[in-house]
């Protein structure tokens, strides 16, 4: 992420380009599970929260979230937030 402030329209466009399904980590995990013979359903909307991967036979739901939103390397990354800092920093820090 660059260290400059962008307009509201630019931020809106950037956020609209973020995938909610079929992200690289999801695809890597799904391929690994499939190669090991684990069968699953993806983005099963009949379960609460619509898990990224649902192994229905074992009643397992897997949610794959990005590391930024969970505060990974937070002391380094929080300085990169330039838009709506008053909202995002407390939100991520309370997790």
PDB file of N, CA and C in Angstrom:
ATOM      1  N   UNK A   1       0.843  -1.173   0.000  1.00  0.00           N
ATOM      2  CA  UNK A   1       0.000   0.000   0.000  1.00  0.00           C
ATOM      3  C   UNK A   1       0.886   1.233   0.000  1.00  0.00           C
ATOM      4  N   UNK A   2       0.593   2.162  -0.843  1.00  0.00           N
ATOM      5  CA  UNK A   2       1.412   3.366  -0.921  1.00  0.00           C
ATOM      6  C   UNK A   2       1.067   4.314   0.223  1.00  0.00           C
ATOM      7  N   UNK A   3       1.962   5.237   0.496  1.00  0.00           N
ATOM      8  CA  UNK A   3       1.792   6.160   1.612  1.00  0.00           C
ATOM      9  C   UNK A   3       1.218   7.488   1.166  1.00  0.00           C
ATOM     10  N   UNK A   4       0.145   7.488   0.429  1.00  0.00           N
ATOM     11  CA  UNK A   4      -0.496   8.733   0.051  1.00  0.00           C
ATOM     12  C   UNK A   4      -2.009   8.617   0.240  1.00  0.00           C
ATOM     13  N   UNK A   5      -2.625   9.739   0.461  1.00  0.00           N
ATOM     14  CA  UNK A   5      -4.059   9.770   0.692  1.00  0.00           C
ATOM     15  C   UNK A   5      -4.764   9.801  -0.662  1.00  0.00           C
ATOM     16  N   UNK A   6      -5.776   8.966  -0.810  1.00  0.00           N
ATOM     17  CA  UNK A   6      -6.514   8.920  -2.071  1.00  0.00           C
ATOM     18  C   UNK A   6      -7.935   9.442  -1.839  1.00  0.00           C
ATOM     19  N   UNK A   7      -8.603   9.759  -2.910  1.00  0.00           N
ATOM     20  CA  UNK A   7      -9.952  10.313  -2.813  1.00  0.00           C
ATOM     21  C   UNK A   7     -10.945   9.226  -2.428  1.00  0.00           C
ATOM     22  N   UNK A   8     -12.120   9.668  -2.023  1.00  0.00           N
ATOM     23  CA  UNK A   8     -13.182   8.737  -1.644  1.00  0.00           C
ATOM     24  C   UNK A   8     -13.572   7.844  -2.823  1.00  0.00           C
ATOM     25  N   UNK A   9     -13.606   8.413  -4.020  1.00  0.00           N
ATOM     26  CA  UNK A   9     -13.964   7.636  -5.215  1.00  0.00           C
ATOM     27  C   UNK A   9     -12.898   6.586  -5.526  1.00  0.00           C
ATOM     28  N   UNK A  10     -11.626   6.965  -5.376  1.00  0.00           N
ATOM     29  CA  UNK A  10     -10.544   6.009  -5.616  1.00  0.00           C
ATOM     30  C   UNK A  10     -10.607   4.872  -4.600  1.00  0.00           C
ATOM     31  N   UNK A  11     -10.847   5.204  -3.323  1.00  0.00           N
ATOM     32  CA  UNK A  11     -10.941   4.183  -2.285  1.00  0.00           C
ATOM     33  C   UNK A  11     -12.127   3.258  -2.573  1.00  0.00           C
ATOM     34  N   UNK A  12     -13.235   3.824  -2.982  1.00  0.00           N
ATOM     35  CA  UNK A  12     -14.415   3.027  -3.297  1.00  0.00           C
ATOM     36  C   UNK A  12     -14.113   2.058  -4.440  1.00  0.00           C
ATOM     37  N   UNK A  13     -13.426   2.549  -5.467  1.00  0.00           N
ATOM     38  CA  UNK A  13     -13.062   1.678  -6.587  1.00  0.00           C
ATOM     39  C   UNK A  13     -12.125   0.565  -6.120  1.00  0.00           C
ATOM     40  N   UNK A  14     -11.112   0.909  -5.332  1.00  0.00           N
ATOM     41  CA  UNK A  14     -10.161  -0.093  -4.833  1.00  0.00           C
ATOM     42  C   UNK A  14     -10.873  -1.172  -4.032  1.00  0.00           C
ATOM     43  N   UNK A  15     -11.767  -0.758  -3.147  1.00  0.00           N
ATOM     44  CA  UNK A  15     -12.472  -1.726  -2.319  1.00  0.00           C
ATOM     45  C   UNK A  15     -13.415  -2.588  -3.157  1.00  0.00           C
ATOM     46  N   UNK A  16     -13.972  -2.047  -4.224  1.00  0.00           N
ATOM     47  CA  UNK A  16     -14.870  -2.827  -5.075  1.00  0.00           C
ATOM     48  C   UNK A  16     -14.125  -3.916  -5.849  1.00  0.00           C
ATOM     49  N   UNK A  17     -12.817  -3.768  -5.975  1.00  0.00           N
ATOM     50  CA  UNK A  17     -12.015  -4.738  -6.713  1.00  0.00           C
ATOM     51  C   UNK A  17     -11.540  -5.901  -5.844  1.00  0.00           C
ATOM     52  N   UNK A  18     -11.768  -5.824  -4.547  1.00  0.00           N
ATOM     53  CA  UNK A  18     -11.340  -6.888  -3.641  1.00  0.00           C
ATOM     54  C   UNK A  18     -12.310  -8.050  -3.758  1.00  0.00           C
ATOM     55  N   UNK A  19     -11.767  -9.219  -3.988  1.00  0.00           N
ATOM     56  CA  UNK A  19     -12.589 -10.408  -4.157  1.00  0.00           C
ATOM     57  C   UNK A  19     -13.144 -10.882  -2.821  1.00  0.00           C
ATOM     58  N   UNK A  20     -14.338 -11.415  -2.856  1.00  0.00           N
ATOM     59  CA  UNK A  20     -14.895 -12.020  -1.652  1.00  0.00           C
ATOM     60  C   UNK A  20     -14.820 -13.544  -1.736  1.00  0.00           C
ATOM     61  N   UNK A  21     -14.678 -14.070  -2.928  1.00  0.00           N
ATOM     62  CA  UNK A  21     -14.555 -15.513  -3.104  1.00  0.00           C
ATOM     63  C   UNK A  21     -13.404 -15.796  -4.062  1.00  0.00           C
ATOM     64  N   UNK A  22     -12.943 -17.037  -4.024  1.00  0.00           N
ATOM     65  CA  UNK A  22     -11.871 -17.514  -4.914  1.00  0.00           C
ATOM     66  C   UNK A  22     -10.597 -16.684  -4.804  1.00  0.00           C
ATOM     67  N   UNK A  23     -10.213 -16.344  -3.579  1.00  0.00           N
ATOM     68  CA  UNK A  23      -8.952 -15.647  -3.374  1.00  0.00           C
ATOM     69  C   UNK A  23      -7.810 -16.657  -3.481  1.00  0.00           C
ATOM     70  N   UNK A  24      -6.597 -16.174  -3.616  1.00  0.00           N
ATOM     71  CA  UNK A  24      -5.449 -17.077  -3.762  1.00  0.00           C
ATOM     72  C   UNK A  24      -5.300 -18.025  -2.573  1.00  0.00           C
ATOM     73  N   UNK A  25      -5.422 -17.542  -1.319  1.00  0.00           N
ATOM     74  CA  UNK A  25      -5.315 -18.494  -0.201  1.00  0.00           C
ATOM     75  C   UNK A  25      -6.424 -19.550  -0.216  1.00  0.00           C
ATOM     76  N   UNK A  26      -7.639 -19.163  -0.594  1.00  0.00           N
ATOM     77  CA  UNK A  26      -8.732 -20.134  -0.678  1.00  0.00           C
ATOM     78  C   UNK A  26      -8.428 -21.206  -1.716  1.00  0.00           C
ATOM     79  N   UNK A  27      -7.986 -20.789  -2.882  1.00  0.00           N
ATOM     80  CA  UNK A  27      -7.709 -21.739  -3.964  1.00  0.00           C
ATOM     81  C   UNK A  27      -6.590 -22.688  -3.571  1.00  0.00           C
ATOM     82  N   UNK A  28      -5.530 -22.171  -2.941  1.00  0.00           N
ATOM     83  CA  UNK A  28      -4.415 -23.037  -2.516  1.00  0.00           C
ATOM     84  C   UNK A  28      -4.889 -24.086  -1.510  1.00  0.00           C
ATOM     85  N   UNK A  29      -5.694 -23.664  -0.537  1.00  0.00           N
ATOM     86  CA  UNK A  29      -6.184 -24.611   0.459  1.00  0.00           C
ATOM     87  C   UNK A  29      -7.133 -25.628  -0.172  1.00  0.00           C
ATOM     88  N   UNK A  30      -8.020 -25.163  -1.027  1.00  0.00           N
ATOM     89  CA  UNK A  30      -8.946 -26.091  -1.676  1.00  0.00           C
ATOM     90  C   UNK A  30      -8.208 -27.132  -2.508  1.00  0.00           C
ATOM     91  N   UNK A  31      -7.178 -26.702  -3.251  1.00  0.00           N
ATOM     92  CA  UNK A  31      -6.402 -27.660  -4.051  1.00  0.00           C
ATOM     93  C   UNK A  31      -5.698 -28.680  -3.164  1.00  0.00           C
ATOM     94  N   UNK A  32      -5.145 -28.217  -2.054  1.00  0.00           N
ATOM     95  CA  UNK A  32      -4.459 -29.133  -1.133  1.00  0.00           C
ATOM     96  C   UNK A  32      -5.448 -30.139  -0.532  1.00  0.00           C
ATOM     97  N   UNK A  33      -6.609 -29.664  -0.138  1.00  0.00           N
ATOM     98  CA  UNK A  33      -7.618 -30.574   0.414  1.00  0.00           C
ATOM     99  C   UNK A  33      -8.073 -31.592  -0.632  1.00  0.00           C
ATOM    100  N   UNK A  34      -8.356 -31.107  -1.832  1.00  0.00           N
ATOM    101  CA  UNK A  34      -8.833 -31.987  -2.900  1.00  0.00           C
ATOM    102  C   UNK A  34      -7.791 -33.054  -3.241  1.00  0.00           C
ATOM    103  N   UNK A  35      -6.517 -32.662  -3.307  1.00  0.00           N
ATOM    104  CA  UNK A  35      -5.445 -33.617  -3.622  1.00  0.00           C
ATOM    105  C   UNK A  35      -5.273 -34.677  -2.536  1.00  0.00           C
ATOM    106  N   UNK A  36      -5.694 -34.357  -1.328  1.00  0.00           N
ATOM    107  CA  UNK A  36      -5.623 -35.323  -0.229  1.00  0.00           C
ATOM    108  C   UNK A  36      -6.921 -36.120  -0.073  1.00  0.00           C
ATOM    109  N   UNK A  37      -7.831 -35.932  -0.987  1.00  0.00           N
ATOM    110  CA  UNK A  37      -9.061 -36.706  -0.984  1.00  0.00           C
ATOM    111  C   UNK A  37     -10.178 -36.149  -0.117  1.00  0.00           C
ATOM    112  N   UNK A  38      -9.998 -34.929   0.388  1.00  0.00           N
ATOM    113  CA  UNK A  38     -11.033 -34.302   1.207  1.00  0.00           C
ATOM    114  C   UNK A  38     -12.021 -33.607   0.277  1.00  0.00           C
ATOM    115  N   UNK A  39     -13.286 -33.996   0.376  1.00  0.00           N
ATOM    116  CA  UNK A  39     -14.311 -33.391  -0.460  1.00  0.00           C
ATOM    117  C   UNK A  39     -15.049 -32.338   0.344  1.00  0.00           C
ATOM    118  N   UNK A  40     -15.416 -31.264  -0.298  1.00  0.00           N
ATOM    119  CA  UNK A  40     -15.967 -30.105   0.400  1.00  0.00           C
ATOM    120  C   UNK A  40     -16.946 -29.368  -0.493  1.00  0.00           C
ATOM    121  N   UNK A  41     -17.619 -28.414   0.096  1.00  0.00           N
ATOM    122  CA  UNK A  41     -18.456 -27.463  -0.636  1.00  0.00           C
ATOM    123  C   UNK A  41     -17.852 -26.092  -0.405  1.00  0.00           C
ATOM    124  N   UNK A  42     -17.895 -25.236  -1.419  1.00  0.00           N
ATOM    125  CA  UNK A  42     -17.346 -23.899  -1.244  1.00  0.00           C
ATOM    126  C   UNK A  42     -18.460 -22.877  -1.159  1.00  0.00           C
ATOM    127  N   UNK A  43     -18.274 -21.905  -0.273  1.00  0.00           N
ATOM    128  CA  UNK A  43     -19.219 -20.810  -0.083  1.00  0.00           C
ATOM    129  C   UNK A  43     -20.650 -21.304   0.090  1.00  0.00           C
ATOM    130  N   UNK A  44     -20.820 -22.222   1.001  1.00  0.00           N
ATOM    131  CA  UNK A  44     -22.122 -22.853   1.241  1.00  0.00           C
ATOM    132  C   UNK A  44     -23.027 -21.877   1.993  1.00  0.00           C
ATOM    133  N   UNK A  45     -24.019 -21.335   1.293  1.00  0.00           N
ATOM    134  CA  UNK A  45     -24.837 -20.287   1.895  1.00  0.00           C
ATOM    135  C   UNK A  45     -25.964 -20.817   2.772  1.00  0.00           C
ATOM    136  N   UNK A  46     -26.085 -22.126   2.931  1.00  0.00           N
ATOM    137  CA  UNK A  46     -27.087 -22.669   3.844  1.00  0.00           C
ATOM    138  C   UNK A  46     -26.570 -22.720   5.279  1.00  0.00           C
ATOM    139  N   UNK A  47     -25.285 -22.467   5.470  1.00  0.00           N
ATOM    140  CA  UNK A  47     -24.700 -22.427   6.814  1.00  0.00           C
ATOM    141  C   UNK A  47     -24.539 -20.982   7.269  1.00  0.00           C
ATOM    142  N   UNK A  48     -24.614 -20.739   8.569  1.00  0.00           N
ATOM    143  CA  UNK A  48     -24.436 -19.374   9.072  1.00  0.00           C
ATOM    144  C   UNK A  48     -23.055 -18.822   8.734  1.00  0.00           C
ATOM    145  N   UNK A  49     -22.988 -17.608   8.250  1.00  0.00           N
ATOM    146  CA  UNK A  49     -21.719 -16.976   7.924  1.00  0.00           C
ATOM    147  C   UNK A  49     -21.196 -17.303   6.545  1.00  0.00           C
ATOM    148  N   UNK A  50     -21.813 -18.241   5.840  1.00  0.00           N
ATOM    149  CA  UNK A  50     -21.389 -18.654   4.499  1.00  0.00           C
ATOM    150  C   UNK A  50     -19.889 -18.966   4.471  1.00  0.00           C
ATOM    151  N   UNK A  51     -19.473 -20.089   5.078  1.00  0.00           N
ATOM    152  CA  UNK A  51     -18.041 -20.407   5.160  1.00  0.00           C
ATOM    153  C   UNK A  51     -17.410 -20.566   3.777  1.00  0.00           C
ATOM    154  N   UNK A  52     -16.115 -20.247   3.709  1.00  0.00           N
ATOM    155  CA  UNK A  52     -15.378 -20.378   2.450  1.00  0.00           C
ATOM    156  C   UNK A  52     -15.298 -21.838   2.019  1.00  0.00           C
ATOM    157  N   UNK A  53     -15.083 -22.719   2.977  1.00  0.00           N
ATOM    158  CA  UNK A  53     -15.027 -24.156   2.704  1.00  0.00           C
ATOM    159  C   UNK A  53     -15.851 -24.855   3.775  1.00  0.00           C
ATOM    160  N   UNK A  54     -16.723 -25.762   3.362  1.00  0.00           N
ATOM    161  CA  UNK A  54     -17.518 -26.548   4.297  1.00  0.00           C
ATOM    162  C   UNK A  54     -17.299 -28.021   4.002  1.00  0.00           C
ATOM    163  N   UNK A  55     -16.764 -28.732   4.971  1.00  0.00           N
ATOM    164  CA  UNK A  55     -16.591 -30.173   4.847  1.00  0.00           C
ATOM    165  C   UNK A  55     -17.802 -30.780   5.552  1.00  0.00           C
ATOM    166  N   UNK A  56     -18.835 -31.012   4.773  1.00  0.00           N
ATOM    167  CA  UNK A  56     -20.122 -31.383   5.344  1.00  0.00           C
ATOM    168  C   UNK A  56     -20.094 -32.747   6.020  1.00  0.00           C
ATOM    169  N   UNK A  57     -19.324 -33.660   5.509  1.00  0.00           N
ATOM    170  CA  UNK A  57     -19.245 -35.004   6.084  1.00  0.00           C
ATOM    171  C   UNK A  57     -18.737 -34.954   7.526  1.00  0.00           C
ATOM    172  N   UNK A  58     -17.780 -34.070   7.791  1.00  0.00           N
ATOM    173  CA  UNK A  58     -17.197 -33.947   9.131  1.00  0.00           C
ATOM    174  C   UNK A  58     -17.767 -32.783   9.926  1.00  0.00           C
ATOM    175  N   UNK A  59     -18.723 -32.068   9.333  1.00  0.00           N
ATOM    176  CA  UNK A  59     -19.327 -30.893   9.964  1.00  0.00           C
ATOM    177  C   UNK A  59     -18.270 -29.861  10.369  1.00  0.00           C
ATOM    178  N   UNK A  60     -17.451 -29.495   9.385  1.00  0.00           N
ATOM    179  CA  UNK A  60     -16.384 -28.508   9.597  1.00  0.00           C
ATOM    180  C   UNK A  60     -16.618 -27.334   8.659  1.00  0.00           C
ATOM    181  N   UNK A  61     -16.535 -26.136   9.217  1.00  0.00           N
ATOM    182  CA  UNK A  61     -16.647 -24.910   8.425  1.00  0.00           C
ATOM    183  C   UNK A  61     -15.330 -24.160   8.539  1.00  0.00           C
ATOM    184  N   UNK A  62     -14.793 -23.707   7.395  1.00  0.00           N
ATOM    185  CA  UNK A  62     -13.503 -23.009   7.366  1.00  0.00           C
ATOM    186  C   UNK A  62     -13.720 -21.621   6.782  1.00  0.00           C
ATOM    187  N   UNK A  63     -13.252 -20.610   7.518  1.00  0.00           N
ATOM    188  CA  UNK A  63     -13.294 -19.230   7.051  1.00  0.00           C
ATOM    189  C   UNK A  63     -11.852 -18.783   6.829  1.00  0.00           C
ATOM    190  N   UNK A  64     -11.547 -18.264   5.658  1.00  0.00           N
ATOM    191  CA  UNK A  64     -10.192 -17.840   5.323  1.00  0.00           C
ATOM    192  C   UNK A  64     -10.196 -16.318   5.228  1.00  0.00           C
ATOM    193  N   UNK A  65      -9.567 -15.674   6.209  1.00  0.00           N
ATOM    194  CA  UNK A  65      -9.534 -14.220   6.270  1.00  0.00           C
ATOM    195  C   UNK A  65      -8.122 -13.720   6.042  1.00  0.00           C
ATOM    196  N   UNK A  66      -8.020 -12.525   5.500  1.00  0.00           N
ATOM    197  CA  UNK A  66      -6.716 -11.916   5.286  1.00  0.00           C
ATOM    198  C   UNK A  66      -6.045 -11.533   6.585  1.00  0.00           C
ATOM    199  N   UNK A  67      -4.729 -11.561   6.609  1.00  0.00           N
ATOM    200  CA  UNK A  67      -3.976 -11.300   7.833  1.00  0.00           C
ATOM    201  C   UNK A  67      -4.065  -9.843   8.283  1.00  0.00           C
ATOM    202  N   UNK A  68      -4.225  -8.910   7.372  1.00  0.00           N
ATOM    203  CA  UNK A  68      -4.281  -7.502   7.747  1.00  0.00           C
ATOM    204  C   UNK A  68      -5.425  -7.233   8.702  1.00  0.00           C
ATOM    205  N   UNK A  69      -6.586  -7.790   8.410  1.00  0.00           N
ATOM    206  CA  UNK A  69      -7.788  -7.504   9.190  1.00  0.00           C
ATOM    207  C   UNK A  69      -7.750  -8.121  10.566  1.00  0.00           C
ATOM    208  N   UNK A  70      -6.776  -8.976  10.835  1.00  0.00           N
ATOM    209  CA  UNK A  70      -6.634  -9.576  12.160  1.00  0.00           C
ATOM    210  C   UNK A  70      -5.403  -9.057  12.894  1.00  0.00           C
ATOM    211  N   UNK A  71      -4.798  -8.011  12.381  1.00  0.00           N
ATOM    212  CA  UNK A  71      -3.722  -7.344  13.091  1.00  0.00           C
ATOM    213  C   UNK A  71      -2.349  -7.972  12.955  1.00  0.00           C
ATOM    214  N   UNK A  72      -2.128  -8.776  11.932  1.00  0.00           N
ATOM    215  CA  UNK A  72      -0.810  -9.375  11.728  1.00  0.00           C
ATOM    216  C   UNK A  72       0.205  -8.279  11.422  1.00  0.00           C
ATOM    217  N   UNK A  73       1.312  -8.288  12.149  1.00  0.00           N
ATOM    218  CA  UNK A  73       2.349  -7.252  12.046  1.00  0.00           C
ATOM    219  C   UNK A  73       1.717  -5.862  12.182  1.00  0.00           C
ATOM    220  N   UNK A  74       0.856  -5.734  13.165  1.00  0.00           N
ATOM    221  CA  UNK A  74       0.042  -4.534  13.308  1.00  0.00           C
ATOM    222  C   UNK A  74       0.866  -3.271  13.526  1.00  0.00           C
ATOM    223  N   UNK A  75       1.917  -3.331  14.331  1.00  0.00           N
ATOM    224  CA  UNK A  75       2.719  -2.129  14.597  1.00  0.00           C
ATOM    225  C   UNK A  75       3.340  -1.569  13.322  1.00  0.00           C
ATOM    226  N   UNK A  76       3.623  -2.418  12.367  1.00  0.00           N
ATOM    227  CA  UNK A  76       4.159  -1.956  11.085  1.00  0.00           C
ATOM    228  C   UNK A  76       3.047  -1.473  10.148  1.00  0.00           C
ATOM    229  N   UNK A  77       1.939  -2.189  10.125  1.00  0.00           N
ATOM    230  CA  UNK A  77       0.896  -1.932   9.133  1.00  0.00           C
ATOM    231  C   UNK A  77      -0.063  -0.804   9.482  1.00  0.00           C
ATOM    232  N   UNK A  78      -0.231  -0.495  10.761  1.00  0.00           N
ATOM    233  CA  UNK A  78      -1.240   0.516  11.089  1.00  0.00           C
ATOM    234  C   UNK A  78      -0.849   1.902  10.614  1.00  0.00           C
ATOM    235  N   UNK A  79       0.429   2.131  10.361  1.00  0.00           N
ATOM    236  CA  UNK A  79       0.866   3.420   9.828  1.00  0.00           C
ATOM    237  C   UNK A  79       0.487   3.588   8.356  1.00  0.00           C
ATOM    238  N   UNK A  80       0.113   2.507   7.700  1.00  0.00           N
ATOM    239  CA  UNK A  80      -0.278   2.564   6.288  1.00  0.00           C
ATOM    240  C   UNK A  80      -1.747   2.923   6.098  1.00  0.00           C
ATOM    241  N   UNK A  81      -2.500   2.998   7.183  1.00  0.00           N
ATOM    242  CA  UNK A  81      -3.915   3.357   7.074  1.00  0.00           C
ATOM    243  C   UNK A  81      -4.013   4.875   7.045  1.00  0.00           C
ATOM    244  N   UNK A  82      -4.538   5.393   5.949  1.00  0.00           N
ATOM    245  CA  UNK A  82      -4.657   6.841   5.807  1.00  0.00           C
ATOM    246  C   UNK A  82      -6.097   7.310   5.750  1.00  0.00           C
ATOM    247  N   UNK A  83      -6.996   6.431   5.371  1.00  0.00           N
ATOM    248  CA  UNK A  83      -8.403   6.810   5.256  1.00  0.00           C
ATOM    249  C   UNK A  83      -9.179   6.273   6.454  1.00  0.00           C
ATOM    250  N   UNK A  84      -9.945   7.125   7.075  1.00  0.00           N
ATOM    251  CA  UNK A  84     -10.839   6.742   8.163  1.00  0.00           C
ATOM    252  C   UNK A  84     -10.110   6.045   9.310  1.00  0.00           C
ATOM    253  N   UNK A  85      -8.974   6.581   9.703  1.00  0.00           N
ATOM    254  CA  UNK A  85      -8.147   6.006  10.764  1.00  0.00           C
ATOM    255  C   UNK A  85      -8.903   5.871  12.090  1.00  0.00           C
ATOM    256  N   UNK A  86      -9.773   6.848  12.390  1.00  0.00           N
ATOM    257  CA  UNK A  86     -10.513   6.824  13.654  1.00  0.00           C
ATOM    258  C   UNK A  86     -11.451   5.626  13.749  1.00  0.00           C
ATOM    259  N   UNK A  87     -11.821   5.077  12.619  1.00  0.00           N
ATOM    260  CA  UNK A  87     -12.683   3.897  12.603  1.00  0.00           C
ATOM    261  C   UNK A  87     -11.860   2.601  12.580  1.00  0.00           C
ATOM    262  N   UNK A  88     -10.919   2.498  11.632  1.00  0.00           N
ATOM    263  CA  UNK A  88     -10.235   1.235  11.392  1.00  0.00           C
ATOM    264  C   UNK A  88      -9.268   0.834  12.495  1.00  0.00           C
ATOM    265  N   UNK A  89      -8.500   1.756  13.023  1.00  0.00           N
ATOM    266  CA  UNK A  89      -7.502   1.372  14.034  1.00  0.00           C
ATOM    267  C   UNK A  89      -8.167   0.802  15.291  1.00  0.00           C
ATOM    268  N   UNK A  90      -9.163   1.461  15.889  1.00  0.00           N
ATOM    269  CA  UNK A  90      -9.810   0.834  17.048  1.00  0.00           C
ATOM    270  C   UNK A  90     -10.501  -0.476  16.707  1.00  0.00           C
ATOM    271  N   UNK A  91     -11.084  -0.567  15.510  1.00  0.00           N
ATOM    272  CA  UNK A  91     -11.784  -1.795  15.116  1.00  0.00           C
ATOM    273  C   UNK A  91     -10.817  -2.986  15.058  1.00  0.00           C
ATOM    274  N   UNK A  92      -9.664  -2.804  14.436  1.00  0.00           N
ATOM    275  CA  UNK A  92      -8.713  -3.904  14.301  1.00  0.00           C
ATOM    276  C   UNK A  92      -8.034  -4.198  15.640  1.00  0.00           C
ATOM    277  N   UNK A  93      -7.766  -3.178  16.433  1.00  0.00           N
ATOM    278  CA  UNK A  93      -7.098  -3.390  17.714  1.00  0.00           C
ATOM    279  C   UNK A  93      -7.980  -4.101  18.735  1.00  0.00           C
ATOM    280  N   UNK A  94      -9.295  -4.014  18.619  1.00  0.00           N
ATOM    281  CA  UNK A  94     -10.150  -4.688  19.592  1.00  0.00           C
ATOM    282  C   UNK A  94     -10.270  -6.187  19.312  1.00  0.00           C
ATOM    283  N   UNK A  95      -9.845  -6.618  18.138  1.00  0.00           N
ATOM    284  CA  UNK A  95      -9.885  -8.049  17.800  1.00  0.00           C
ATOM    285  C   UNK A  95      -8.779  -8.702  18.543  1.00  0.00           C
TER     286      UNK A  95
END
